Amino acid sequence: MPMEIEAKIKVEDLEPVAQKLKLLDVHPRREIFQRDFFFDRPDLSLKKSDCGLRLRRERYRNAVKNILCFKGPKAKHSPYKKRREIEVEVSDPNQAQQFLQALGYQLRLTFEKKRSEWRFENCLVCLDQLPVLGTYIEVEGPNESAIRGVLTRLMLSDAQTIRRGYASLLFQHADESHMPLPHDFCF
């Protein structure tokens, strides 16, 4: 069963972390732009059960990749966000969206993200910038120990980690701001 295990940390500025990575002789793998579309049933049962259904359009240079993803509920006893994740690449995002809507899912949230990806040790380190939310560091790895090791090397081991995803944080912001569905957070 594929698992996503990641630490997310809110930071004021991405540059100090980028500088630490460069001092460790790590260089950015790629700069990508992501646009995420989250779907749910009319009763928001996926959100209520801590699950997610996402269609992502990812742009890297001139290449575009479309990924359909299901995220299961988070594990309760982990310091990091740990959950089942199933991804499949789709060739036509419009057809994928129509497919989801034909199954009764409705678009509930759209947001964009600028991401710089770095490969460090056996983890993926992402420096993320989002509308409304600001800047975050994500470290995704094969297990908690690997993530903890990278956080230690980046001098972030004492930083508070966030176990929620960006979609959850944006839904909360939209609810607190009394925004109507679907929510849209784009640059």
N, C-alpha and C. Protein backbone atom coordinates (compact mmCIF):
# COMPACT_ATOMS: atom_id res chain seq x y z
N MET A 1 0.85 -1.18 0.00
CA MET A 1 0.00 0.00 0.00
C MET A 1 0.89 1.24 0.00
N PRO A 2 0.78 2.11 -1.02
CA PRO A 2 1.62 3.31 -1.06
C PRO A 2 1.26 4.28 0.06
N MET A 3 2.29 4.77 0.75
CA MET A 3 2.10 5.69 1.86
C MET A 3 2.83 7.00 1.58
N GLU A 4 2.19 8.09 1.97
CA GLU A 4 2.83 9.40 1.95
C GLU A 4 3.21 9.70 3.39
N ILE A 5 4.49 10.00 3.62
CA ILE A 5 4.95 10.38 4.94
C ILE A 5 5.71 11.69 4.77
N GLU A 6 5.22 12.75 5.43
CA GLU A 6 5.87 14.04 5.24
C GLU A 6 5.76 14.92 6.49
N ALA A 7 6.76 15.77 6.62
CA ALA A 7 6.74 16.82 7.64
C ALA A 7 6.53 18.14 6.92
N LYS A 8 5.63 18.95 7.44
CA LYS A 8 5.35 20.27 6.87
C LYS A 8 5.63 21.30 7.95
N ILE A 9 6.37 22.34 7.58
CA ILE A 9 6.75 23.38 8.53
C ILE A 9 6.49 24.74 7.90
N LYS A 10 5.77 25.58 8.62
CA LYS A 10 5.53 26.96 8.17
C LYS A 10 6.79 27.77 8.45
N VAL A 11 7.25 28.52 7.46
CA VAL A 11 8.43 29.38 7.62
C VAL A 11 8.10 30.77 7.11
N GLU A 12 8.82 31.74 7.62
CA GLU A 12 8.63 33.12 7.16
C GLU A 12 9.32 33.37 5.82
N ASP A 13 10.43 32.64 5.59
CA ASP A 13 11.23 32.87 4.40
C ASP A 13 11.85 31.54 3.95
N LEU A 14 11.79 31.27 2.66
CA LEU A 14 12.35 30.03 2.12
C LEU A 14 13.86 30.11 1.91
N GLU A 15 14.38 31.31 1.74
CA GLU A 15 15.79 31.48 1.38
C GLU A 15 16.78 30.88 2.39
N PRO A 16 16.58 31.03 3.71
CA PRO A 16 17.54 30.40 4.63
C PRO A 16 17.62 28.88 4.47
N VAL A 17 16.51 28.24 4.18
CA VAL A 17 16.53 26.79 3.99
C VAL A 17 17.23 26.45 2.67
N ALA A 18 16.97 27.24 1.63
CA ALA A 18 17.66 27.02 0.35
C ALA A 18 19.17 27.18 0.53
N GLN A 19 19.59 28.17 1.32
CA GLN A 19 21.01 28.37 1.57
C GLN A 19 21.61 27.20 2.35
N LYS A 20 20.89 26.67 3.34
CA LYS A 20 21.38 25.51 4.09
C LYS A 20 21.56 24.31 3.17
N LEU A 21 20.59 24.11 2.26
CA LEU A 21 20.70 23.00 1.31
C LEU A 21 21.93 23.17 0.42
N LYS A 22 22.16 24.38 -0.06
CA LYS A 22 23.33 24.62 -0.92
C LYS A 22 24.63 24.40 -0.16
N LEU A 23 24.66 24.79 1.13
CA LEU A 23 25.86 24.54 1.94
C LEU A 23 26.12 23.05 2.12
N LEU A 24 25.05 22.27 2.07
CA LEU A 24 25.17 20.81 2.16
C LEU A 24 25.42 20.18 0.79
N ASP A 25 25.71 21.02 -0.20
CA ASP A 25 25.99 20.61 -1.58
C ASP A 25 24.78 19.93 -2.24
N VAL A 26 23.60 20.43 -1.92
CA VAL A 26 22.36 19.96 -2.53
C VAL A 26 21.86 21.08 -3.44
N HIS A 27 21.42 20.71 -4.62
CA HIS A 27 20.97 21.69 -5.59
C HIS A 27 19.53 21.41 -5.98
N PRO A 28 18.78 22.46 -6.36
CA PRO A 28 17.38 22.23 -6.73
C PRO A 28 17.27 21.29 -7.92
N ARG A 29 16.33 20.37 -7.81
CA ARG A 29 16.05 19.43 -8.89
C ARG A 29 15.25 20.09 -9.99
N ARG A 30 14.21 20.81 -9.55
CA ARG A 30 13.35 21.49 -10.52
C ARG A 30 12.45 22.48 -9.82
N GLU A 31 12.03 23.47 -10.58
CA GLU A 31 11.05 24.46 -10.15
C GLU A 31 9.76 24.13 -10.88
N ILE A 32 8.69 23.90 -10.16
CA ILE A 32 7.43 23.52 -10.80
C ILE A 32 6.29 24.42 -10.31
N PHE A 33 5.27 24.45 -11.12
CA PHE A 33 4.05 25.19 -10.79
C PHE A 33 2.92 24.17 -10.77
N GLN A 34 2.19 24.11 -9.68
CA GLN A 34 1.11 23.13 -9.54
C GLN A 34 -0.22 23.84 -9.35
N ARG A 35 -1.23 23.29 -9.98
CA ARG A 35 -2.60 23.75 -9.77
C ARG A 35 -3.41 22.53 -9.36
N ASP A 36 -3.95 22.57 -8.15
CA ASP A 36 -4.68 21.44 -7.57
C ASP A 36 -6.17 21.71 -7.57
N PHE A 37 -6.93 20.69 -7.96
CA PHE A 37 -8.38 20.73 -7.95
C PHE A 37 -8.86 19.63 -7.02
N PHE A 38 -9.53 20.01 -5.93
CA PHE A 38 -10.03 19.03 -4.98
C PHE A 38 -11.53 18.84 -5.17
N PHE A 39 -11.94 17.57 -5.16
CA PHE A 39 -13.33 17.19 -5.38
C PHE A 39 -13.87 16.51 -4.14
N ASP A 40 -15.19 16.61 -3.98
CA ASP A 40 -15.86 15.92 -2.87
C ASP A 40 -17.30 15.68 -3.28
N ARG A 41 -17.97 14.87 -2.50
CA ARG A 41 -19.40 14.64 -2.71
C ARG A 41 -20.18 15.85 -2.20
N PRO A 42 -21.45 15.99 -2.59
CA PRO A 42 -22.23 17.14 -2.10
C PRO A 42 -22.29 17.25 -0.58
N ASP A 43 -22.22 16.11 0.13
CA ASP A 43 -22.29 16.14 1.59
C ASP A 43 -20.91 16.32 2.26
N LEU A 44 -19.87 16.55 1.43
CA LEU A 44 -18.49 16.73 1.91
C LEU A 44 -17.99 15.53 2.71
N SER A 45 -18.46 14.35 2.36
CA SER A 45 -18.10 13.15 3.13
C SER A 45 -16.62 12.79 3.04
N LEU A 46 -15.95 13.12 1.94
CA LEU A 46 -14.50 12.86 1.88
C LEU A 46 -13.77 13.75 2.90
N LYS A 47 -14.10 15.03 2.89
CA LYS A 47 -13.48 15.98 3.84
C LYS A 47 -13.76 15.55 5.27
N LYS A 48 -15.00 15.16 5.54
CA LYS A 48 -15.38 14.77 6.90
C LYS A 48 -14.67 13.50 7.36
N SER A 49 -14.31 12.63 6.42
CA SER A 49 -13.61 11.39 6.78
C SER A 49 -12.10 11.53 6.64
N ASP A 50 -11.60 12.78 6.49
CA ASP A 50 -10.17 13.08 6.42
C ASP A 50 -9.52 12.47 5.17
N CYS A 51 -10.30 12.36 4.09
CA CYS A 51 -9.78 11.86 2.83
C CYS A 51 -9.77 12.98 1.80
N GLY A 52 -9.08 12.77 0.71
CA GLY A 52 -9.01 13.77 -0.34
C GLY A 52 -9.00 13.14 -1.72
N LEU A 53 -9.57 13.85 -2.67
CA LEU A 53 -9.58 13.43 -4.07
C LEU A 53 -9.12 14.63 -4.88
N ARG A 54 -7.94 14.50 -5.49
CA ARG A 54 -7.30 15.64 -6.13
C ARG A 54 -6.93 15.34 -7.58
N LEU A 55 -7.11 16.34 -8.41
CA LEU A 55 -6.58 16.32 -9.77
C LEU A 55 -5.54 17.43 -9.82
N ARG A 56 -4.30 17.09 -10.16
CA ARG A 56 -3.21 18.08 -10.18
C ARG A 56 -2.70 18.26 -11.60
N ARG A 57 -2.55 19.54 -11.96
CA ARG A 57 -1.87 19.91 -13.22
C ARG A 57 -0.53 20.49 -12.80
N GLU A 58 0.52 19.84 -13.26
CA GLU A 58 1.87 20.21 -12.85
C GLU A 58 2.65 20.66 -14.08
N ARG A 59 3.20 21.87 -14.01
CA ARG A 59 3.96 22.41 -15.13
C ARG A 59 5.43 22.54 -14.73
N TYR A 60 6.28 21.93 -15.54
CA TYR A 60 7.73 22.01 -15.35
C TYR A 60 8.34 22.35 -16.71
N ARG A 61 8.90 23.53 -16.82
CA ARG A 61 9.38 24.04 -18.10
C ARG A 61 8.25 23.98 -19.10
N ASN A 62 8.42 23.24 -20.19
CA ASN A 62 7.36 23.14 -21.20
C ASN A 62 6.51 21.88 -21.05
N ALA A 63 6.80 21.07 -20.07
CA ALA A 63 6.08 19.81 -19.88
C ALA A 63 4.92 19.99 -18.90
N VAL A 64 3.83 19.32 -19.18
CA VAL A 64 2.68 19.33 -18.28
C VAL A 64 2.35 17.88 -17.93
N LYS A 65 2.08 17.66 -16.66
CA LYS A 65 1.72 16.33 -16.17
C LYS A 65 0.44 16.47 -15.37
N ASN A 66 -0.49 15.53 -15.54
CA ASN A 66 -1.78 15.55 -14.84
C ASN A 66 -1.87 14.29 -13.99
N ILE A 67 -2.14 14.47 -12.71
CA ILE A 67 -2.14 13.34 -11.78
C ILE A 67 -3.44 13.34 -10.98
N LEU A 68 -4.12 12.21 -11.00
CA LEU A 68 -5.31 12.00 -10.18
C LEU A 68 -4.85 11.28 -8.92
N CYS A 69 -5.31 11.74 -7.77
CA CYS A 69 -4.79 11.21 -6.50
C CYS A 69 -5.91 11.05 -5.48
N PHE A 70 -5.90 9.90 -4.79
CA PHE A 70 -6.75 9.68 -3.62
C PHE A 70 -5.85 9.67 -2.40
N LYS A 71 -6.25 10.40 -1.36
CA LYS A 71 -5.51 10.41 -0.10
C LYS A 71 -6.43 9.89 1.00
N GLY A 72 -5.98 8.87 1.71
CA GLY A 72 -6.75 8.30 2.80
C GLY A 72 -6.60 9.10 4.08
N PRO A 73 -7.28 8.68 5.14
CA PRO A 73 -7.19 9.40 6.42
C PRO A 73 -5.77 9.31 7.00
N LYS A 74 -5.38 10.34 7.74
CA LYS A 74 -4.05 10.38 8.34
C LYS A 74 -3.95 9.39 9.50
N ALA A 75 -2.77 8.81 9.64
CA ALA A 75 -2.49 7.96 10.80
C ALA A 75 -2.53 8.83 12.05
N LYS A 76 -3.10 8.30 13.10
CA LYS A 76 -3.29 9.10 14.31
C LYS A 76 -2.04 9.22 15.17
N HIS A 77 -1.17 8.23 15.13
CA HIS A 77 -0.04 8.21 16.07
C HIS A 77 1.29 8.41 15.35
N SER A 78 1.40 9.50 14.63
CA SER A 78 2.64 9.84 13.95
C SER A 78 2.88 11.33 14.13
N PRO A 79 4.14 11.73 14.36
CA PRO A 79 4.41 13.17 14.47
C PRO A 79 4.30 13.88 13.12
N TYR A 80 4.28 13.10 12.04
CA TYR A 80 4.21 13.65 10.69
C TYR A 80 2.90 13.25 10.04
N LYS A 81 2.63 13.89 8.91
CA LYS A 81 1.43 13.52 8.15
C LYS A 81 1.74 12.20 7.43
N LYS A 82 1.00 11.18 7.76
CA LYS A 82 1.22 9.84 7.22
C LYS A 82 -0.12 9.30 6.78
N ARG A 83 -0.23 8.99 5.48
CA ARG A 83 -1.52 8.52 4.97
C ARG A 83 -1.33 7.75 3.68
N ARG A 84 -2.32 6.91 3.40
CA ARG A 84 -2.34 6.17 2.15
C ARG A 84 -2.52 7.16 1.00
N GLU A 85 -1.76 6.95 -0.09
CA GLU A 85 -1.84 7.83 -1.25
C GLU A 85 -1.77 6.98 -2.51
N ILE A 86 -2.77 7.13 -3.36
CA ILE A 86 -2.80 6.41 -4.63
C ILE A 86 -2.83 7.45 -5.74
N GLU A 87 -1.82 7.40 -6.62
CA GLU A 87 -1.74 8.35 -7.72
C GLU A 87 -1.73 7.62 -9.06
N VAL A 88 -2.39 8.25 -10.04
CA VAL A 88 -2.37 7.72 -11.40
C VAL A 88 -2.28 8.91 -12.36
N GLU A 89 -1.39 8.82 -13.33
CA GLU A 89 -1.27 9.89 -14.31
C GLU A 89 -2.40 9.77 -15.33
N VAL A 90 -2.99 10.90 -15.70
CA VAL A 90 -4.05 10.93 -16.70
C VAL A 90 -3.61 11.83 -17.85
N SER A 91 -4.02 11.47 -19.04
CA SER A 91 -3.59 12.24 -20.21
C SER A 91 -4.45 13.46 -20.46
N ASP A 92 -5.73 13.40 -20.10
CA ASP A 92 -6.64 14.50 -20.39
C ASP A 92 -7.33 14.95 -19.10
N PRO A 93 -6.89 16.08 -18.53
CA PRO A 93 -7.47 16.52 -17.26
C PRO A 93 -8.94 16.90 -17.37
N ASN A 94 -9.35 17.40 -18.52
CA ASN A 94 -10.76 17.77 -18.69
C ASN A 94 -11.65 16.52 -18.66
N GLN A 95 -11.20 15.47 -19.32
CA GLN A 95 -11.95 14.20 -19.29
C GLN A 95 -11.95 13.62 -17.88
N ALA A 96 -10.82 13.74 -17.18
CA ALA A 96 -10.75 13.23 -15.80
C ALA A 96 -11.74 13.99 -14.91
N GLN A 97 -11.84 15.30 -15.09
CA GLN A 97 -12.77 16.08 -14.30
C GLN A 97 -14.21 15.69 -14.63
N GLN A 98 -14.51 15.49 -15.91
CA GLN A 98 -15.86 15.06 -16.28
C GLN A 98 -16.17 13.68 -15.72
N PHE A 99 -15.19 12.81 -15.69
CA PHE A 99 -15.34 11.47 -15.12
C PHE A 99 -15.71 11.57 -13.64
N LEU A 100 -14.98 12.40 -12.89
CA LEU A 100 -15.26 12.57 -11.47
C LEU A 100 -16.66 13.16 -11.25
N GLN A 101 -17.03 14.13 -12.07
CA GLN A 101 -18.35 14.74 -11.93
C GLN A 101 -19.45 13.74 -12.29
N ALA A 102 -19.21 12.86 -13.25
CA ALA A 102 -20.19 11.84 -13.59
C ALA A 102 -20.40 10.85 -12.45
N LEU A 103 -19.38 10.70 -11.61
CA LEU A 103 -19.49 9.82 -10.43
C LEU A 103 -20.10 10.54 -9.23
N GLY A 104 -20.45 11.81 -9.40
CA GLY A 104 -21.11 12.55 -8.33
C GLY A 104 -20.20 13.46 -7.53
N TYR A 105 -18.94 13.57 -7.92
CA TYR A 105 -18.02 14.46 -7.20
C TYR A 105 -18.12 15.87 -7.79
N GLN A 106 -17.98 16.85 -6.92
CA GLN A 106 -18.05 18.25 -7.33
C GLN A 106 -16.74 18.95 -6.97
N LEU A 107 -16.35 19.90 -7.81
CA LEU A 107 -15.16 20.69 -7.53
C LEU A 107 -15.44 21.56 -6.30
N ARG A 108 -14.58 21.47 -5.28
CA ARG A 108 -14.78 22.21 -4.03
C ARG A 108 -13.68 23.21 -3.74
N LEU A 109 -12.48 22.95 -4.29
CA LEU A 109 -11.34 23.79 -3.95
C LEU A 109 -10.33 23.75 -5.09
N THR A 110 -9.82 24.91 -5.45
CA THR A 110 -8.72 25.02 -6.42
C THR A 110 -7.66 25.90 -5.79
N PHE A 111 -6.40 25.47 -5.90
CA PHE A 111 -5.32 26.35 -5.44
C PHE A 111 -4.06 26.09 -6.23
N GLU A 112 -3.21 27.11 -6.25
CA GLU A 112 -1.94 27.02 -6.96
C GLU A 112 -0.80 27.04 -5.96
N LYS A 113 0.32 26.50 -6.44
CA LYS A 113 1.51 26.42 -5.59
C LYS A 113 2.75 26.54 -6.47
N LYS A 114 3.70 27.33 -6.00
CA LYS A 114 5.02 27.37 -6.62
C LYS A 114 5.92 26.52 -5.75
N ARG A 115 6.63 25.58 -6.37
CA ARG A 115 7.41 24.60 -5.61
C ARG A 115 8.81 24.47 -6.19
N SER A 116 9.77 24.46 -5.30
CA SER A 116 11.15 24.15 -5.65
C SER A 116 11.47 22.80 -5.00
N GLU A 117 11.83 21.82 -5.82
CA GLU A 117 12.11 20.47 -5.30
C GLU A 117 13.62 20.22 -5.21
N TRP A 118 14.02 19.62 -4.11
CA TRP A 118 15.42 19.29 -3.85
C TRP A 118 15.45 17.83 -3.38
N ARG A 119 16.38 17.03 -3.85
CA ARG A 119 16.55 15.66 -3.39
C ARG A 119 17.71 15.66 -2.40
N PHE A 120 17.43 15.29 -1.14
CA PHE A 120 18.45 15.30 -0.10
C PHE A 120 18.36 14.00 0.67
N GLU A 121 19.52 13.31 0.74
CA GLU A 121 19.54 11.98 1.33
C GLU A 121 18.52 11.16 0.54
N ASN A 122 17.62 10.47 1.17
CA ASN A 122 16.59 9.72 0.43
C ASN A 122 15.22 10.37 0.60
N CYS A 123 15.22 11.69 0.75
CA CYS A 123 13.97 12.43 0.93
C CYS A 123 13.82 13.50 -0.16
N LEU A 124 12.60 13.91 -0.35
CA LEU A 124 12.28 15.03 -1.24
C LEU A 124 12.00 16.24 -0.35
N VAL A 125 12.76 17.31 -0.53
CA VAL A 125 12.56 18.54 0.22
C VAL A 125 11.91 19.54 -0.74
N CYS A 126 10.76 20.06 -0.35
CA CYS A 126 10.02 21.00 -1.19
C CYS A 126 9.91 22.34 -0.49
N LEU A 127 10.25 23.39 -1.21
CA LEU A 127 10.10 24.75 -0.73
C LEU A 127 8.89 25.31 -1.46
N ASP A 128 7.81 25.53 -0.73
CA ASP A 128 6.50 25.85 -1.32
C ASP A 128 6.06 27.27 -1.00
N GLN A 129 5.43 27.89 -1.99
CA GLN A 129 4.80 29.20 -1.82
C GLN A 129 3.37 29.09 -2.30
N LEU A 130 2.41 29.51 -1.43
CA LEU A 130 0.98 29.42 -1.76
C LEU A 130 0.29 30.75 -1.51
N PRO A 131 -0.76 31.04 -2.30
CA PRO A 131 -1.56 32.23 -1.99
C PRO A 131 -2.20 32.08 -0.61
N VAL A 132 -2.35 33.14 0.09
CA VAL A 132 -3.01 33.24 1.39
C VAL A 132 -2.20 32.57 2.50
N LEU A 133 -1.72 31.35 2.29
CA LEU A 133 -1.04 30.60 3.34
C LEU A 133 0.41 31.02 3.55
N GLY A 134 1.11 31.41 2.49
CA GLY A 134 2.49 31.82 2.62
C GLY A 134 3.48 30.74 2.22
N THR A 135 4.55 30.59 2.99
CA THR A 135 5.66 29.72 2.61
C THR A 135 5.85 28.57 3.61
N TYR A 136 6.16 27.40 3.05
CA TYR A 136 6.29 26.17 3.83
C TYR A 136 7.45 25.33 3.30
N ILE A 137 7.96 24.50 4.19
CA ILE A 137 8.92 23.47 3.84
C ILE A 137 8.22 22.13 4.04
N GLU A 138 8.34 21.26 3.05
CA GLU A 138 7.86 19.89 3.21
C GLU A 138 9.03 18.95 2.99
N VAL A 139 9.14 17.95 3.86
CA VAL A 139 10.13 16.89 3.70
C VAL A 139 9.36 15.59 3.63
N GLU A 140 9.43 14.95 2.47
CA GLU A 140 8.73 13.68 2.27
C GLU A 140 9.77 12.58 2.13
N GLY A 141 9.55 11.49 2.84
CA GLY A 141 10.54 10.42 2.80
C GLY A 141 9.93 9.05 2.97
N PRO A 142 10.79 8.02 2.93
CA PRO A 142 10.32 6.64 3.01
C PRO A 142 9.87 6.23 4.41
N ASN A 143 10.35 6.97 5.44
CA ASN A 143 9.97 6.65 6.82
C ASN A 143 10.25 7.85 7.71
N GLU A 144 9.74 7.78 8.93
CA GLU A 144 9.88 8.89 9.87
C GLU A 144 11.34 9.17 10.22
N SER A 145 12.14 8.11 10.33
CA SER A 145 13.54 8.27 10.69
C SER A 145 14.30 9.07 9.64
N ALA A 146 14.07 8.78 8.36
CA ALA A 146 14.73 9.52 7.28
C ALA A 146 14.33 10.99 7.31
N ILE A 147 13.07 11.26 7.52
CA ILE A 147 12.58 12.63 7.58
C ILE A 147 13.21 13.36 8.76
N ARG A 148 13.22 12.71 9.91
CA ARG A 148 13.82 13.30 11.11
C ARG A 148 15.29 13.64 10.86
N GLY A 149 16.01 12.75 10.17
CA GLY A 149 17.43 13.00 9.86
C GLY A 149 17.63 14.22 8.98
N VAL A 150 16.79 14.37 7.97
CA VAL A 150 16.88 15.54 7.08
C VAL A 150 16.54 16.82 7.85
N LEU A 151 15.49 16.77 8.65
CA LEU A 151 15.13 17.95 9.45
C LEU A 151 16.28 18.34 10.38
N THR A 152 16.96 17.37 10.96
CA THR A 152 18.09 17.65 11.84
C THR A 152 19.21 18.32 11.05
N ARG A 153 19.53 17.79 9.87
CA ARG A 153 20.61 18.36 9.05
C ARG A 153 20.28 19.77 8.59
N LEU A 154 18.99 20.06 8.42
CA LEU A 154 18.56 21.39 8.00
C LEU A 154 18.31 22.33 9.19
N MET A 155 18.61 21.84 10.39
CA MET A 155 18.41 22.59 11.64
C MET A 155 16.95 23.00 11.82
N LEU A 156 16.05 22.08 11.46
CA LEU A 156 14.62 22.30 11.62
C LEU A 156 13.97 21.27 12.55
N SER A 157 14.79 20.50 13.25
CA SER A 157 14.23 19.42 14.08
C SER A 157 13.38 19.95 15.23
N ASP A 158 13.61 21.18 15.67
CA ASP A 158 12.82 21.74 16.76
C ASP A 158 11.59 22.50 16.27
N ALA A 159 11.47 22.65 14.97
CA ALA A 159 10.33 23.39 14.41
C ALA A 159 9.05 22.57 14.55
N GLN A 160 7.96 23.26 14.77
CA GLN A 160 6.67 22.58 14.91
C GLN A 160 6.20 22.11 13.53
N THR A 161 5.85 20.83 13.44
CA THR A 161 5.35 20.30 12.18
C THR A 161 3.83 20.37 12.15
N ILE A 162 3.32 20.48 10.95
CA ILE A 162 1.88 20.58 10.72
C ILE A 162 1.43 19.28 10.08
N ARG A 163 0.45 18.63 10.65
CA ARG A 163 -0.02 17.34 10.14
C ARG A 163 -1.14 17.48 9.11
N ARG A 164 -1.54 18.69 8.81
CA ARG A 164 -2.62 18.92 7.87
C ARG A 164 -2.06 19.26 6.49
N GLY A 165 -2.83 18.95 5.47
CA GLY A 165 -2.44 19.29 4.11
C GLY A 165 -2.84 20.71 3.77
N TYR A 166 -2.32 21.18 2.65
CA TYR A 166 -2.67 22.53 2.20
C TYR A 166 -4.16 22.68 1.96
N ALA A 167 -4.78 21.65 1.40
CA ALA A 167 -6.22 21.72 1.14
C ALA A 167 -6.98 21.95 2.44
N SER A 168 -6.63 21.22 3.47
CA SER A 168 -7.29 21.37 4.77
C SER A 168 -7.09 22.77 5.33
N LEU A 169 -5.87 23.30 5.22
CA LEU A 169 -5.59 24.65 5.72
C LEU A 169 -6.38 25.69 4.93
N LEU A 170 -6.49 25.49 3.62
CA LEU A 170 -7.25 26.45 2.80
C LEU A 170 -8.75 26.34 3.03
N PHE A 171 -9.25 25.11 3.24
CA PHE A 171 -10.67 24.96 3.59
C PHE A 171 -10.97 25.71 4.89
N GLN A 172 -10.08 25.59 5.87
CA GLN A 172 -10.27 26.30 7.13
C GLN A 172 -10.29 27.80 6.91
N HIS A 173 -9.35 28.30 6.12
CA HIS A 173 -9.32 29.73 5.84
C HIS A 173 -10.62 30.18 5.15
N ALA A 174 -11.09 29.40 4.18
CA ALA A 174 -12.32 29.74 3.46
C ALA A 174 -13.52 29.73 4.40
N ASP A 175 -13.58 28.73 5.28
CA ASP A 175 -14.69 28.66 6.25
C ASP A 175 -14.68 29.87 7.18
N GLU A 176 -13.49 30.22 7.68
CA GLU A 176 -13.37 31.36 8.59
C GLU A 176 -13.68 32.68 7.88
N SER A 177 -13.45 32.73 6.56
CA SER A 177 -13.71 33.94 5.77
C SER A 177 -15.11 33.93 5.15
N HIS A 178 -15.87 32.87 5.41
CA HIS A 178 -17.24 32.72 4.88
C HIS A 178 -17.27 32.77 3.36
N MET A 179 -16.29 32.12 2.72
CA MET A 179 -16.24 32.08 1.26
C MET A 179 -17.19 31.01 0.74
N PRO A 180 -17.88 31.27 -0.35
CA PRO A 180 -18.77 30.26 -0.93
C PRO A 180 -17.96 29.19 -1.67
N LEU A 181 -18.56 27.98 -1.79
CA LEU A 181 -17.93 26.92 -2.58
C LEU A 181 -18.20 27.18 -4.05
N PRO A 182 -17.35 26.74 -4.98
CA PRO A 182 -16.01 26.23 -4.71
C PRO A 182 -15.04 27.36 -4.36
N HIS A 183 -14.06 27.04 -3.53
CA HIS A 183 -13.05 28.01 -3.13
C HIS A 183 -11.94 28.04 -4.18
N ASP A 184 -11.40 29.21 -4.43
CA ASP A 184 -10.37 29.37 -5.44
C ASP A 184 -9.25 30.24 -4.88
N PHE A 185 -8.04 29.66 -4.76
CA PHE A 185 -6.88 30.38 -4.25
C PHE A 185 -5.78 30.30 -5.30
N CYS A 186 -5.70 31.29 -6.15
CA CYS A 186 -4.72 31.29 -7.23
C CYS A 186 -3.92 32.58 -7.19
N PHE A 187 -2.71 32.51 -7.71
CA PHE A 187 -1.83 33.69 -7.77
C PHE A 187 -2.39 34.71 -8.75
